[in-house]
C-alpha cells in the first residue's frame, strides 16, 4: 500500500464523514507533500488535542519513509 492510500484509510476512520476526506498530492513519488482535506467541522478530529493525532500520522509516515529512504510532508486543510 502506498503512503497516500494508507493515510487516506486512517483519516477516513477518524472522522464522522469519511466520504468527505480527500487527499491532495504534490511533488514526485518519494518526496511528495500530502494534504488531507476534510470538512471544517471534522478538522479537529484529524488534528487532535494539542496536535497529537496529526503528529502520530506524521510519525507513522516518517517511520515508513526512513525505511524506504523517502521524505513526505503532511498537512491538514479544510474542504
Foldseek 3Di string as FASTA:
>chain_A
DALQVVVLVVLLVQFPCSVQWDWDWDDDPLEIEIEIEHAPVRQCSCQDVVRPNVVVSLVVVVVVSVVVVGDYHYYYHYD
